[in-house]
Amino acid sequence: MLKVSNVSKAFNAGTPNEKVVFEDLSLHIRPHDFVTVIGGNGSGKSTLLNLIAGTYAVDKGKIELNGRDITHLKEYERAGFIGRVFQDPLMGTCSDLTIQENLSIAKRKGAKRTLRRGLTESERKEYAKLLEPLGLGLEERLTAKVGLLSGGQRQALTLLMATLVKPELLLLDEHTAALDPKTARKVLELTQQRVEENQLTTLMITHNMRDALAYGNRLIMMSEGKIILDISGEEKKKATVKDLLDLFEKSNGEINDQMFLS
């Protein structure tokens, strides 16, 4: 499904501030894989997602998705088939538009624009039905502006928007890091539900080792731009937080509280 082949990336190349993030990095992800990615600050996790999404251009190497070369496609060109949820709940929605208007825009992602109505009554019913299982009361607030919602409500809405039209690849960039523990758990449960229901190929970055072990069928650990651990199946099920911490310490990674706490 996704092939990152021999990718290199440096920032401020050729200057005293040059920072090499990746040198010859390769990663292959199978269809329907739900991959959790962990690692310390500066390990390259977010840069990897930005390269896949097209936010950054690769210096060398190739990125393929579903059999086609997307290496040189712009970010907006990839947005038609890549869904993404950011760490900041403000980034995935339009504050001045209503809940139903945001969902309507998401539903037409990648489609040609016409002069037909942007929101129909049948769609309103569809959105209410979609929002009800969240237990956040959003189905009763379809006409409320998204700017009035809490961070958790916005992030749940963003996740629905990113998966409303089934993406070929879903990128989750520490999408629960800015939420309180209770809300983060709710959003993670929603994530698992959406991924399973739609059989989405997913790449989820997290600092939380417990979440990395609890979710997904495959786990990758990164350090200094390299993949130092790649486990799946029974090996992942048997792994513990202590196992991950021990390996992380051996790689000289910097451990912070987010990596411990559930």
C-alpha atoms as a PDB file:
ATOM      1  CA  MET A   1       0.000   0.000   0.000  1.00  0.00           C
ATOM      2  CA  LEU A   2       2.708   2.489   1.019  1.00  0.00           C
ATOM      3  CA  LYS A   3       6.363   2.275  -0.001  1.00  0.00           C
ATOM      4  CA  VAL A   4       8.901   4.777   1.294  1.00  0.00           C
ATOM      5  CA  SER A   5      12.097   3.797  -0.500  1.00  0.00           C
ATOM      6  CA  ASN A   6      15.628   5.077   0.244  1.00  0.00           C
ATOM      7  CA  VAL A   7      14.391   8.507   1.326  1.00  0.00           C
ATOM      8  CA  SER A   8      16.784  11.206   2.505  1.00  0.00           C
ATOM      9  CA  LYS A   9      15.816  14.559   4.006  1.00  0.00           C
ATOM     10  CA  ALA A  10      17.839  17.436   5.461  1.00  0.00           C
ATOM     11  CA  PHE A  11      16.825  20.922   6.529  1.00  0.00           C
ATOM     12  CA  ASN A  12      19.011  23.991   5.917  1.00  0.00           C
ATOM     13  CA  ALA A  13      21.262  21.891   3.711  1.00  0.00           C
ATOM     14  CA  GLY A  14      24.698  23.331   3.040  1.00  0.00           C
ATOM     15  CA  THR A  15      24.549  25.786   5.952  1.00  0.00           C
ATOM     16  CA  PRO A  16      26.054  25.682   9.477  1.00  0.00           C
ATOM     17  CA  ASN A  17      22.515  24.874  10.696  1.00  0.00           C
ATOM     18  CA  GLU A  18      22.112  21.804   8.506  1.00  0.00           C
ATOM     19  CA  LYS A  19      20.005  19.107  10.154  1.00  0.00           C
ATOM     20  CA  VAL A  20      19.942  15.679   8.537  1.00  0.00           C
ATOM     21  CA  VAL A  21      16.744  13.862   9.528  1.00  0.00           C
ATOM     22  CA  PHE A  22      16.807  10.830   7.220  1.00  0.00           C
ATOM     23  CA  GLU A  23      19.480   9.096   5.205  1.00  0.00           C
ATOM     24  CA  ASP A  24      18.316   6.227   3.006  1.00  0.00           C
ATOM     25  CA  LEU A  25      15.180   5.438   5.054  1.00  0.00           C
ATOM     26  CA  SER A  26      12.842   2.720   3.763  1.00  0.00           C
ATOM     27  CA  LEU A  27       9.442   1.654   5.113  1.00  0.00           C
ATOM     28  CA  HIS A  28       6.801  -0.573   3.527  1.00  0.00           C
ATOM     29  CA  ILE A  29       3.246  -0.764   4.880  1.00  0.00           C
ATOM     30  CA  ARG A  30       0.761  -3.426   3.823  1.00  0.00           C
ATOM     31  CA  PRO A  31      -2.916  -2.781   2.998  1.00  0.00           C
ATOM     32  CA  HIS A  32      -5.082  -2.434   6.150  1.00  0.00           C
ATOM     33  CA  ASP A  33      -2.032  -2.204   8.446  1.00  0.00           C
ATOM     34  CA  PHE A  34      -2.623  -0.031  11.522  1.00  0.00           C
ATOM     35  CA  VAL A  35       0.916   1.035  12.413  1.00  0.00           C
ATOM     36  CA  THR A  36       1.742   2.914  15.606  1.00  0.00           C
ATOM     37  CA  VAL A  37       4.975   4.923  15.581  1.00  0.00           C
ATOM     38  CA  ILE A  38       6.853   5.925  18.723  1.00  0.00           C
ATOM     39  CA  GLY A  39      10.131   7.720  19.396  1.00  0.00           C
ATOM     40  CA  GLY A  40      11.571  10.705  21.184  1.00  0.00           C
ATOM     41  CA  ASN A  41      11.579  14.309  20.059  1.00  0.00           C
ATOM     42  CA  GLY A  42      13.720  14.710  16.961  1.00  0.00           C
ATOM     43  CA  SER A  43      13.522  11.046  16.013  1.00  0.00           C
ATOM     44  CA  GLY A  44      11.868  11.883  12.674  1.00  0.00           C
ATOM     45  CA  LYS A  45       8.291  10.754  13.353  1.00  0.00           C
ATOM     46  CA  SER A  46       6.486  13.911  12.286  1.00  0.00           C
ATOM     47  CA  THR A  47       8.913  14.566   9.445  1.00  0.00           C
ATOM     48  CA  LEU A  48       8.073  11.123   8.075  1.00  0.00           C
ATOM     49  CA  LEU A  49       4.350  11.963   8.049  1.00  0.00           C
ATOM     50  CA  ASN A  50       5.046  15.339   6.465  1.00  0.00           C
ATOM     51  CA  LEU A  51       7.045  13.700   3.676  1.00  0.00           C
ATOM     52  CA  ILE A  52       4.242  11.204   3.020  1.00  0.00           C
ATOM     53  CA  ALA A  53       1.595  13.947   3.090  1.00  0.00           C
ATOM     54  CA  GLY A  54       3.643  16.193   0.809  1.00  0.00           C
ATOM     55  CA  THR A  55       4.156  19.001   3.329  1.00  0.00           C
ATOM     56  CA  TYR A  56       7.906  18.556   2.816  1.00  0.00           C
ATOM     57  CA  ALA A  57       9.648  17.435  -0.375  1.00  0.00           C
ATOM     58  CA  VAL A  58      12.139  14.557  -0.215  1.00  0.00           C
ATOM     59  CA  ASP A  59      15.761  15.283  -1.141  1.00  0.00           C
ATOM     60  CA  LYS A  60      16.296  11.793  -2.490  1.00  0.00           C
ATOM     61  CA  GLY A  61      14.265   8.611  -2.726  1.00  0.00           C
ATOM     62  CA  LYS A  62      10.747   7.650  -3.717  1.00  0.00           C
ATOM     63  CA  ILE A  63       7.282   7.458  -2.135  1.00  0.00           C
ATOM     64  CA  GLU A  64       4.607   5.237  -3.668  1.00  0.00           C
ATOM     65  CA  LEU A  65       0.995   4.830  -2.596  1.00  0.00           C
ATOM     66  CA  ASN A  66      -1.229   2.093  -3.953  1.00  0.00           C
ATOM     67  CA  GLY A  67       1.133   1.427  -6.836  1.00  0.00           C
ATOM     68  CA  ARG A  68       1.596   4.998  -8.038  1.00  0.00           C
ATOM     69  CA  ASP A  69       4.528   7.355  -7.553  1.00  0.00           C
ATOM     70  CA  ILE A  70       3.468  10.348  -5.426  1.00  0.00           C
ATOM     71  CA  THR A  71       6.985  11.609  -4.668  1.00  0.00           C
ATOM     72  CA  HIS A  72       6.570  14.882  -6.540  1.00  0.00           C
ATOM     73  CA  LEU A  73       2.852  15.508  -6.000  1.00  0.00           C
ATOM     74  CA  LYS A  74       1.966  18.666  -4.063  1.00  0.00           C
ATOM     75  CA  GLU A  75       0.297  18.404  -0.655  1.00  0.00           C
ATOM     76  CA  TYR A  76      -3.095  19.537  -1.998  1.00  0.00           C
ATOM     77  CA  GLU A  77      -2.882  16.921  -4.760  1.00  0.00           C
ATOM     78  CA  ARG A  78      -2.338  14.150  -2.204  1.00  0.00           C
ATOM     79  CA  ALA A  79      -5.131  15.447   0.041  1.00  0.00           C
ATOM     80  CA  GLY A  80      -7.689  13.841  -2.253  1.00  0.00           C
ATOM     81  CA  PHE A  81      -6.624  10.358  -1.142  1.00  0.00           C
ATOM     82  CA  ILE A  82      -4.736  10.899   2.132  1.00  0.00           C
ATOM     83  CA  GLY A  83      -6.647  11.733   5.321  1.00  0.00           C
ATOM     84  CA  ARG A  84      -4.816  13.477   8.148  1.00  0.00           C
ATOM     85  CA  VAL A  85      -5.544  14.485  11.742  1.00  0.00           C
ATOM     86  CA  PHE A  86      -3.111  16.863  13.431  1.00  0.00           C
ATOM     87  CA  GLN A  87      -2.092  17.284  17.066  1.00  0.00           C
ATOM     88  CA  ASP A  88      -3.742  20.716  17.238  1.00  0.00           C
ATOM     89  CA  PRO A  89      -7.569  20.343  17.218  1.00  0.00           C
ATOM     90  CA  LEU A  90      -7.840  23.758  15.531  1.00  0.00           C
ATOM     91  CA  MET A  91      -6.103  22.611  12.353  1.00  0.00           C
ATOM     92  CA  GLY A  92      -8.613  20.098  11.010  1.00  0.00           C
ATOM     93  CA  THR A  93     -11.797  22.174  10.952  1.00  0.00           C
ATOM     94  CA  CYS A  94     -13.102  25.600   9.869  1.00  0.00           C
ATOM     95  CA  SER A  95     -14.009  27.537  13.024  1.00  0.00           C
ATOM     96  CA  ASP A  96     -16.445  29.926  11.379  1.00  0.00           C
ATOM     97  CA  LEU A  97     -18.473  27.182   9.690  1.00  0.00           C
ATOM     98  CA  THR A  98     -21.056  24.961  11.364  1.00  0.00           C
ATOM     99  CA  ILE A  99     -20.614  21.284  12.177  1.00  0.00           C
ATOM    100  CA  GLN A 100     -22.804  20.243   9.250  1.00  0.00           C
ATOM    101  CA  GLU A 101     -20.969  22.595   6.871  1.00  0.00           C
ATOM    102  CA  ASN A 102     -17.606  21.154   7.884  1.00  0.00           C
ATOM    103  CA  LEU A 103     -18.884  17.627   7.307  1.00  0.00           C
ATOM    104  CA  SER A 104     -20.367  18.659   3.976  1.00  0.00           C
ATOM    105  CA  ILE A 105     -16.996  19.985   2.803  1.00  0.00           C
ATOM    106  CA  ALA A 106     -15.316  16.760   3.919  1.00  0.00           C
ATOM    107  CA  LYS A 107     -17.855  14.643   2.051  1.00  0.00           C
ATOM    108  CA  ARG A 108     -17.011  16.438  -1.197  1.00  0.00           C
ATOM    109  CA  LYS A 109     -13.280  16.031  -0.753  1.00  0.00           C
ATOM    110  CA  GLY A 110     -11.634  15.342  -4.095  1.00  0.00           C
ATOM    111  CA  ALA A 111     -14.925  15.699  -5.996  1.00  0.00           C
ATOM    112  CA  LYS A 112     -15.685  18.211  -8.727  1.00  0.00           C
ATOM    113  CA  ARG A 113     -17.623  21.262  -7.571  1.00  0.00           C
ATOM    114  CA  THR A 114     -21.063  21.936  -9.060  1.00  0.00           C
ATOM    115  CA  LEU A 115     -23.866  24.449  -8.618  1.00  0.00           C
ATOM    116  CA  ARG A 116     -25.994  22.015  -6.655  1.00  0.00           C
ATOM    117  CA  ARG A 117     -26.838  22.688  -3.021  1.00  0.00           C
ATOM    118  CA  GLY A 118     -23.894  22.112  -0.732  1.00  0.00           C
ATOM    119  CA  LEU A 119     -26.033  20.606   2.016  1.00  0.00           C
ATOM    120  CA  THR A 120     -29.195  18.532   1.642  1.00  0.00           C
ATOM    121  CA  GLU A 121     -31.734  17.357   4.195  1.00  0.00           C
ATOM    122  CA  SER A 122     -30.726  13.735   3.668  1.00  0.00           C
ATOM    123  CA  GLU A 123     -27.125  14.707   4.439  1.00  0.00           C
ATOM    124  CA  ARG A 124     -28.180  16.424   7.669  1.00  0.00           C
ATOM    125  CA  LYS A 125     -29.829  13.182   8.775  1.00  0.00           C
ATOM    126  CA  GLU A 126     -26.739  11.229   7.716  1.00  0.00           C
ATOM    127  CA  TYR A 127     -24.442  13.507   9.751  1.00  0.00           C
ATOM    128  CA  ALA A 128     -26.670  13.332  12.831  1.00  0.00           C
ATOM    129  CA  LYS A 129     -26.651   9.530  12.638  1.00  0.00           C
ATOM    130  CA  LEU A 130     -22.874   9.556  12.241  1.00  0.00           C
ATOM    131  CA  LEU A 131     -22.326  11.844  15.247  1.00  0.00           C
ATOM    132  CA  GLU A 132     -24.759  10.202  17.675  1.00  0.00           C
ATOM    133  CA  PRO A 133     -22.554   7.211  18.662  1.00  0.00           C
ATOM    134  CA  LEU A 134     -19.835   9.609  19.846  1.00  0.00           C
ATOM    135  CA  GLY A 135     -21.902  10.456  22.901  1.00  0.00           C
ATOM    136  CA  LEU A 136     -20.823  14.094  22.696  1.00  0.00           C
ATOM    137  CA  GLY A 137     -24.223  15.565  21.833  1.00  0.00           C
ATOM    138  CA  LEU A 138     -22.963  16.941  18.517  1.00  0.00           C
ATOM    139  CA  GLU A 139     -25.908  15.445  16.622  1.00  0.00           C
ATOM    140  CA  GLU A 140     -28.099  18.042  18.383  1.00  0.00           C
ATOM    141  CA  ARG A 141     -25.760  20.901  17.450  1.00  0.00           C
ATOM    142  CA  LEU A 142     -25.392  20.550  13.682  1.00  0.00           C
ATOM    143  CA  THR A 143     -25.890  24.283  13.157  1.00  0.00           C
ATOM    144  CA  ALA A 144     -23.423  25.318  15.886  1.00  0.00           C
ATOM    145  CA  LYS A 145     -20.161  26.877  14.755  1.00  0.00           C
ATOM    146  CA  VAL A 146     -17.193  24.590  15.240  1.00  0.00           C
ATOM    147  CA  GLY A 147     -15.296  27.381  17.005  1.00  0.00           C
ATOM    148  CA  LEU A 148     -17.648  26.913  19.971  1.00  0.00           C
ATOM    149  CA  LEU A 149     -16.664  23.260  20.488  1.00  0.00           C
ATOM    150  CA  SER A 150     -14.148  21.930  22.989  1.00  0.00           C
ATOM    151  CA  GLY A 151     -10.802  20.544  21.820  1.00  0.00           C
ATOM    152  CA  GLY A 152     -11.982  16.956  22.218  1.00  0.00           C
ATOM    153  CA  GLN A 153     -15.204  17.584  20.316  1.00  0.00           C
ATOM    154  CA  ARG A 154     -13.270  19.233  17.487  1.00  0.00           C
ATOM    155  CA  GLN A 155     -10.767  16.395  17.312  1.00  0.00           C
ATOM    156  CA  ALA A 156     -13.545  13.795  17.167  1.00  0.00           C
ATOM    157  CA  LEU A 157     -15.173  15.828  14.384  1.00  0.00           C
ATOM    158  CA  THR A 158     -11.844  16.118  12.558  1.00  0.00           C
ATOM    159  CA  LEU A 159     -11.394  12.343  12.689  1.00  0.00           C
ATOM    160  CA  LEU A 160     -14.866  11.831  11.210  1.00  0.00           C
ATOM    161  CA  MET A 161     -14.104  14.371   8.490  1.00  0.00           C
ATOM    162  CA  ALA A 162     -10.794  12.701   7.628  1.00  0.00           C
ATOM    163  CA  THR A 163     -12.516   9.335   7.189  1.00  0.00           C
ATOM    164  CA  LEU A 164     -15.931  10.385   5.832  1.00  0.00           C
ATOM    165  CA  VAL A 165     -14.688   9.695   2.323  1.00  0.00           C
ATOM    166  CA  LYS A 166     -12.549   6.576   2.747  1.00  0.00           C
ATOM    167  CA  PRO A 167      -8.914   7.638   2.301  1.00  0.00           C
ATOM    168  CA  GLU A 168      -6.300   5.319   0.844  1.00  0.00           C
ATOM    169  CA  LEU A 169      -4.098   6.246   3.806  1.00  0.00           C
ATOM    170  CA  LEU A 170      -4.907   7.812   7.183  1.00  0.00           C
ATOM    171  CA  LEU A 171      -2.177   9.794   8.981  1.00  0.00           C
ATOM    172  CA  LEU A 172      -2.612  10.536  12.696  1.00  0.00           C
ATOM    173  CA  ASP A 173       0.022  12.935  14.038  1.00  0.00           C
ATOM    174  CA  GLU A 174      -0.178  12.654  17.854  1.00  0.00           C
ATOM    175  CA  HIS A 175      -3.870  13.473  17.492  1.00  0.00           C
ATOM    176  CA  THR A 176      -4.669  12.959  21.190  1.00  0.00           C
ATOM    177  CA  ALA A 177      -1.613  14.707  22.685  1.00  0.00           C
ATOM    178  CA  ALA A 178      -3.450  17.993  23.336  1.00  0.00           C
ATOM    179  CA  LEU A 179      -6.444  16.337  25.021  1.00  0.00           C
ATOM    180  CA  ASP A 180      -7.121  15.409  28.640  1.00  0.00           C
ATOM    181  CA  PRO A 181      -6.783  11.664  29.412  1.00  0.00           C
ATOM    182  CA  LYS A 182     -10.531  10.930  29.419  1.00  0.00           C
ATOM    183  CA  THR A 183     -11.151  12.717  26.126  1.00  0.00           C
ATOM    184  CA  ALA A 184      -8.016  11.210  24.593  1.00  0.00           C
ATOM    185  CA  ARG A 185      -9.327   7.739  25.408  1.00  0.00           C
ATOM    186  CA  LYS A 186     -12.655   8.552  23.746  1.00  0.00           C
ATOM    187  CA  VAL A 187     -10.925   9.786  20.590  1.00  0.00           C
ATOM    188  CA  LEU A 188      -8.670   6.708  20.497  1.00  0.00           C
ATOM    189  CA  GLU A 189     -11.687   4.428  20.794  1.00  0.00           C
ATOM    190  CA  LEU A 190     -13.322   6.322  17.938  1.00  0.00           C
ATOM    191  CA  THR A 191     -10.099   5.966  15.951  1.00  0.00           C
ATOM    192  CA  GLN A 192     -10.067   2.200  16.425  1.00  0.00           C
ATOM    193  CA  GLN A 193     -13.736   2.021  15.413  1.00  0.00           C
ATOM    194  CA  ARG A 194     -13.294   4.090  12.231  1.00  0.00           C
ATOM    195  CA  VAL A 195     -10.155   2.191  11.197  1.00  0.00           C
ATOM    196  CA  GLU A 196     -11.801  -1.212  11.678  1.00  0.00           C
ATOM    197  CA  GLU A 197     -15.139  -0.278  10.088  1.00  0.00           C
ATOM    198  CA  ASN A 198     -13.502   1.155   6.974  1.00  0.00           C
ATOM    199  CA  GLN A 199     -10.469  -1.182   6.920  1.00  0.00           C
ATOM    200  CA  LEU A 200      -8.171   1.816   6.689  1.00  0.00           C
ATOM    201  CA  THR A 201      -4.430   1.668   6.224  1.00  0.00           C
ATOM    202  CA  THR A 202      -3.261   3.855   9.096  1.00  0.00           C
ATOM    203  CA  LEU A 203      -0.067   5.398  10.429  1.00  0.00           C
ATOM    204  CA  MET A 204      -0.431   6.798  13.972  1.00  0.00           C
ATOM    205  CA  ILE A 205       2.303   8.705  15.793  1.00  0.00           C
ATOM    206  CA  THR A 206       2.149   8.698  19.582  1.00  0.00           C
ATOM    207  CA  HIS A 207       4.438   9.477  22.517  1.00  0.00           C
ATOM    208  CA  ASN A 208       2.440   7.125  24.711  1.00  0.00           C
ATOM    209  CA  MET A 209       3.969   3.642  24.764  1.00  0.00           C
ATOM    210  CA  ARG A 210       0.860   2.111  26.342  1.00  0.00           C
ATOM    211  CA  ASP A 211      -1.271   3.403  23.473  1.00  0.00           C
ATOM    212  CA  ALA A 212       1.305   2.234  20.943  1.00  0.00           C
ATOM    213  CA  LEU A 213       1.000  -1.295  22.337  1.00  0.00           C
ATOM    214  CA  ALA A 214      -2.784  -1.232  22.801  1.00  0.00           C
ATOM    215  CA  TYR A 215      -3.690  -0.065  19.310  1.00  0.00           C
ATOM    216  CA  GLY A 216      -2.799  -1.305  15.858  1.00  0.00           C
ATOM    217  CA  ASN A 217      -1.340  -4.538  14.543  1.00  0.00           C
ATOM    218  CA  ARG A 218       2.208  -3.255  14.038  1.00  0.00           C
ATOM    219  CA  LEU A 219       4.572  -1.037  16.041  1.00  0.00           C
ATOM    220  CA  ILE A 220       7.592   0.924  14.857  1.00  0.00           C
ATOM    221  CA  MET A 221      10.111   2.687  17.082  1.00  0.00           C
ATOM    222  CA  MET A 222      12.281   5.463  15.625  1.00  0.00           C
ATOM    223  CA  SER A 223      15.478   7.032  16.903  1.00  0.00           C
ATOM    224  CA  GLU A 224      17.669   9.617  15.174  1.00  0.00           C
ATOM    225  CA  GLY A 225      16.003   9.102  11.824  1.00  0.00           C
ATOM    226  CA  LYS A 226      16.258   5.318  11.872  1.00  0.00           C
ATOM    227  CA  ILE A 227      13.760   2.523  12.517  1.00  0.00           C
ATOM    228  CA  ILE A 228      15.193   0.587  15.451  1.00  0.00           C
ATOM    229  CA  LEU A 229      12.213  -1.686  16.094  1.00  0.00           C
ATOM    230  CA  ASP A 230       9.476  -3.086  13.844  1.00  0.00           C
ATOM    231  CA  ILE A 231       7.185  -5.686  15.431  1.00  0.00           C
ATOM    232  CA  SER A 232       3.749  -7.081  14.633  1.00  0.00           C
ATOM    233  CA  GLY A 233       1.448 -10.006  15.414  1.00  0.00           C
ATOM    234  CA  GLU A 234       2.250 -12.092  18.481  1.00  0.00           C
ATOM    235  CA  GLU A 235       5.548 -10.303  19.024  1.00  0.00           C
ATOM    236  CA  LYS A 236       3.708  -7.004  19.450  1.00  0.00           C
ATOM    237  CA  LYS A 237       1.022  -8.565  21.661  1.00  0.00           C
ATOM    238  CA  LYS A 238       3.678  -9.950  24.018  1.00  0.00           C
ATOM    239  CA  ALA A 239       5.722  -6.747  24.203  1.00  0.00           C
ATOM    240  CA  THR A 240       5.520  -4.612  27.346  1.00  0.00           C
ATOM    241  CA  VAL A 241       6.162  -0.964  28.133  1.00  0.00           C
ATOM    242  CA  LYS A 242       9.323  -2.048  29.981  1.00  0.00           C
ATOM    243  CA  ASP A 243      10.587  -3.802  26.855  1.00  0.00           C
ATOM    244  CA  LEU A 244      10.104  -0.622  24.845  1.00  0.00           C
ATOM    245  CA  LEU A 245      11.675   1.601  27.489  1.00  0.00           C
ATOM    246  CA  ASP A 246      14.721  -0.661  27.776  1.00  0.00           C
ATOM    247  CA  LEU A 247      15.254  -0.607  24.030  1.00  0.00           C
ATOM    248  CA  PHE A 248      14.673   3.117  23.879  1.00  0.00           C
ATOM    249  CA  GLU A 249      17.248   3.771  26.593  1.00  0.00           C
ATOM    250  CA  LYS A 250      19.792   1.586  24.790  1.00  0.00           C
ATOM    251  CA  SER A 251      19.334   3.742  21.706  1.00  0.00           C
ATOM    252  CA  ASN A 252      20.161   6.838  23.826  1.00  0.00           C
ATOM    253  CA  GLY A 253      16.639   8.195  23.411  1.00  0.00           C
ATOM    254  CA  GLU A 254      15.270  10.880  25.716  1.00  0.00           C
ATOM    255  CA  ILE A 255      12.317   9.597  27.731  1.00  0.00           C
ATOM    256  CA  ASN A 256       9.595  12.006  28.793  1.00  0.00           C
ATOM    257  CA  ASP A 257       6.382  11.719  30.817  1.00  0.00           C
ATOM    258  CA  GLN A 258       4.178  11.378  27.739  1.00  0.00           C
ATOM    259  CA  MET A 259       5.861   8.074  26.955  1.00  0.00           C
ATOM    260  CA  PHE A 260       4.844   6.629  30.331  1.00  0.00           C
ATOM    261  CA  LEU A 261       1.353   7.948  30.948  1.00  0.00           C
ATOM    262  CA  SER A 262      -1.860   6.398  29.723  1.00  0.00           C
END
